Protein backbone atom coordinates (compact mmCIF):
# COMPACT_ATOMS: atom_id res chain seq x y z
CA UNK A 1 35.65 21.13 81.55
CA UNK A 2 33.71 23.22 84.11
CA UNK A 3 33.84 26.93 84.10
CA UNK A 4 32.59 28.93 87.02
CA UNK A 5 31.89 32.70 86.84
CA UNK A 6 33.82 34.42 89.67
CA UNK A 7 32.60 37.13 92.04
CA UNK A 8 34.65 39.90 90.41
CA UNK A 9 32.48 39.71 87.33
CA UNK A 10 30.45 42.80 86.53
CA UNK A 11 27.63 43.96 84.25
CA UNK A 12 26.72 47.61 83.50
CA UNK A 13 23.84 49.12 81.56
CA UNK A 14 24.37 52.56 80.17
CA UNK A 15 21.59 54.69 78.74
CA UNK A 16 20.36 58.17 78.36
CA UNK A 17 17.20 60.18 78.98
CA UNK A 18 15.90 63.40 77.42
CA UNK A 19 17.93 65.28 80.15
CA UNK A 20 20.97 63.16 81.19
CA UNK A 21 22.77 59.89 80.97
CA UNK A 22 22.80 57.01 83.50
CA UNK A 23 24.62 53.83 84.39
CA UNK A 24 23.18 50.88 86.27
CA UNK A 25 25.65 48.28 87.57
CA UNK A 26 25.39 44.80 88.96
CA UNK A 27 28.09 43.10 90.90
CA UNK A 28 26.02 39.91 91.03
CA UNK A 29 26.75 37.91 87.89
CA UNK A 30 26.30 34.17 88.25
CA UNK A 31 26.70 31.26 85.93
CA UNK A 32 29.01 28.66 84.54
CA UNK A 33 29.49 26.10 81.93
CA UNK A 34 29.90 22.38 81.53
CA UNK A 35 31.65 21.84 78.19
CA UNK A 36 32.44 18.33 76.97
CA UNK A 37 35.29 17.57 74.58
CA UNK A 38 32.78 17.17 71.72
CA UNK A 39 32.09 20.96 71.89
CA UNK A 40 35.56 21.93 70.68
CA UNK A 41 35.81 22.14 66.89
CA UNK A 42 39.04 22.18 64.86
CA UNK A 43 38.04 25.61 63.46
CA UNK A 44 38.70 27.47 66.69
CA UNK A 45 35.14 27.35 67.84
CA UNK A 46 33.01 25.84 70.66
CA UNK A 47 29.56 24.78 69.75
CA UNK A 48 27.22 23.78 72.60
CA UNK A 49 23.96 21.92 72.48
CA UNK A 50 24.48 18.23 73.15
CA UNK A 51 28.12 19.01 73.97
CA UNK A 52 27.30 21.00 77.08
CA UNK A 53 25.69 24.14 78.42
CA UNK A 54 26.71 27.59 79.52
CA UNK A 55 24.69 30.40 80.98
CA UNK A 56 24.94 33.76 82.79
CA UNK A 57 22.34 35.14 85.19
CA UNK A 58 21.93 38.59 86.65
CA UNK A 59 19.30 39.26 89.26
CA UNK A 60 17.31 42.32 88.22
CA UNK A 61 17.24 43.51 91.82
CA UNK A 62 21.06 43.64 91.79
CA UNK A 63 21.10 46.42 89.25
CA UNK A 64 21.86 49.74 90.91
CA UNK A 65 21.49 53.07 89.08
CA UNK A 66 22.59 55.20 91.98
CA UNK A 67 19.16 56.55 92.72
CA UNK A 68 16.31 54.71 94.44
CA UNK A 69 13.56 56.20 92.23
CA UNK A 70 15.56 55.23 89.06
CA UNK A 71 16.09 51.74 90.39
CA UNK A 72 12.31 51.35 91.07
CA UNK A 73 11.49 52.54 87.51
CA UNK A 74 14.03 50.09 86.07
CA UNK A 75 12.61 47.19 88.13
CA UNK A 76 9.06 48.01 87.00
CA UNK A 77 10.06 48.29 83.31
CA UNK A 78 11.94 44.94 83.49
CA UNK A 79 8.88 43.32 85.15
CA UNK A 80 10.97 42.13 88.06
CA UNK A 81 8.12 40.40 89.92
CA UNK A 82 7.36 38.09 87.01
CA UNK A 83 10.89 37.95 85.65
CA UNK A 84 13.48 38.36 88.39
CA UNK A 85 16.52 37.36 86.29
CA UNK A 86 18.25 38.47 83.10
CA UNK A 87 19.74 35.34 81.47
CA UNK A 88 22.11 34.66 78.63
CA UNK A 89 22.38 31.07 77.32
CA UNK A 90 25.56 30.57 75.28
CA UNK A 91 25.24 28.63 72.07
CA UNK A 92 28.54 29.22 70.26
CA UNK A 93 31.97 30.93 70.69
CA UNK A 94 34.29 31.52 67.72
CA UNK A 95 37.83 32.76 68.04
CA UNK A 96 37.93 35.51 65.41
CA UNK A 97 41.52 36.64 65.85
CA UNK A 98 44.46 35.94 68.12
CA UNK A 99 47.02 38.54 69.03
CA UNK A 100 50.72 37.70 69.56
CA UNK A 101 50.64 34.28 68.05
CA UNK A 102 48.12 32.96 70.58
CA UNK A 103 49.78 34.40 73.68
CA UNK A 104 47.85 37.72 73.80
CA UNK A 105 44.19 38.61 74.01
CA UNK A 106 41.91 37.45 71.25
CA UNK A 107 38.65 38.53 69.64
CA UNK A 108 35.63 36.27 70.25
CA UNK A 109 32.39 36.04 68.39
CA UNK A 110 29.70 34.96 70.87
CA UNK A 111 26.26 33.80 70.03
CA UNK A 112 23.46 32.94 72.32
CA UNK A 113 19.94 33.61 73.57
CA UNK A 114 19.38 36.67 75.81
CA UNK A 115 16.23 36.74 77.93
CA UNK A 116 15.05 40.07 79.42
CA UNK A 117 11.65 40.58 81.01
CA UNK A 118 10.62 37.14 79.82
CA UNK A 119 11.43 37.79 76.15
CA UNK A 120 14.15 35.75 74.54
CA UNK A 121 16.15 36.96 71.53
CA UNK A 122 19.16 35.50 69.73
CA UNK A 123 22.09 37.93 69.77
CA UNK A 124 25.68 38.02 68.61
CA UNK A 125 28.37 39.80 70.62
CA UNK A 126 32.02 40.51 70.01
CA UNK A 127 34.25 40.25 73.09
CA UNK A 128 37.91 40.28 74.03
CA UNK A 129 39.15 37.21 75.79
CA UNK A 130 42.46 36.71 77.66
CA UNK A 131 44.06 34.46 80.16
CA UNK A 132 44.46 36.12 83.56
CA UNK A 133 46.31 33.33 85.46
CA UNK A 134 46.41 29.59 85.68
CA UNK A 135 42.98 28.16 84.84
CA UNK A 136 41.43 31.69 84.85
CA UNK A 137 40.13 33.70 81.92
CA UNK A 138 38.48 37.01 81.28
CA UNK A 139 35.98 38.10 78.60
CA UNK A 140 34.78 41.64 78.23
CA UNK A 141 32.82 43.66 75.76
CA UNK A 142 29.67 45.56 75.08
CA UNK A 143 26.45 45.21 73.09
CA UNK A 144 23.89 47.86 72.10
CA UNK A 145 20.29 46.73 72.49
CA UNK A 146 16.80 48.21 72.09
CA UNK A 147 14.65 47.76 75.20
CA UNK A 148 11.57 47.53 72.93
CA UNK A 149 13.05 44.38 71.31
CA UNK A 150 12.46 42.69 74.64
CA UNK A 151 9.00 44.11 75.20
CA UNK A 152 10.31 46.70 77.67
CA UNK A 153 8.74 50.12 77.58
CA UNK A 154 11.44 52.66 78.34
CA UNK A 155 10.53 54.44 81.62
CA UNK A 156 9.14 57.91 81.76
CA UNK A 157 9.05 60.45 84.64
CA UNK A 158 7.54 63.76 85.46
CA UNK A 159 4.44 63.23 83.34
CA UNK A 160 6.49 62.27 80.33
CA UNK A 161 8.91 65.20 80.43
CA UNK A 162 11.76 62.85 81.08
CA UNK A 163 11.99 59.82 78.86
CA UNK A 164 14.55 57.00 78.73
CA UNK A 165 15.83 56.44 75.24
CA UNK A 166 15.08 52.99 73.79
CA UNK A 167 18.77 52.16 73.02
CA UNK A 168 20.97 51.01 75.85
CA UNK A 169 24.50 49.60 75.93
CA UNK A 170 25.34 46.57 78.01
CA UNK A 171 28.96 46.29 79.21
CA UNK A 172 30.17 43.02 80.63
CA UNK A 173 33.44 42.00 82.32
CA UNK A 174 33.37 38.39 83.17
CA UNK A 175 36.06 36.38 84.94
CA UNK A 176 35.88 32.59 85.07
CA UNK A 177 37.91 29.74 86.37
CA UNK A 178 38.19 26.31 84.83
CA UNK A 179 38.54 22.84 86.08
CA UNK A 180 38.71 19.64 84.01
CA UNK A 181 36.38 16.76 84.81
């Protein structure tokens, strides 16, 4: 089965500074999956590896915080020249709970490798998944991260009077369409 991330997918990073909060959004989320039948387990999980691949990519330059100076600080902190893409490589998805006997949304446990500024870390994320039409699905959720876990120094401004807090929250809303091969 092939899954292609659709153009309506979004990613947003929320954070705060010593004086305010901010949100940086990207409308450029790319990726897809090629999942073979061997990836599907009888325990409501999908395990990749030899059974396929799945990844998401977000160009760092596509993140917009609403202010040019803030965008430039973000790009510098994320080392955009050396690492122009944030990437997530999916390793496993588990269905944790189904609502409405399988007809409604369901909770997903997602595991994979997230690479930011050239540093890769294994992460686990909970998401909500739902069908949104024939051959289309949506997964959305959020994950708190520390920038320092990825070797990113939180930006500072005005000689250190304004500091970005280390913890950020990444929100994702992904829509994908499937085709069988």
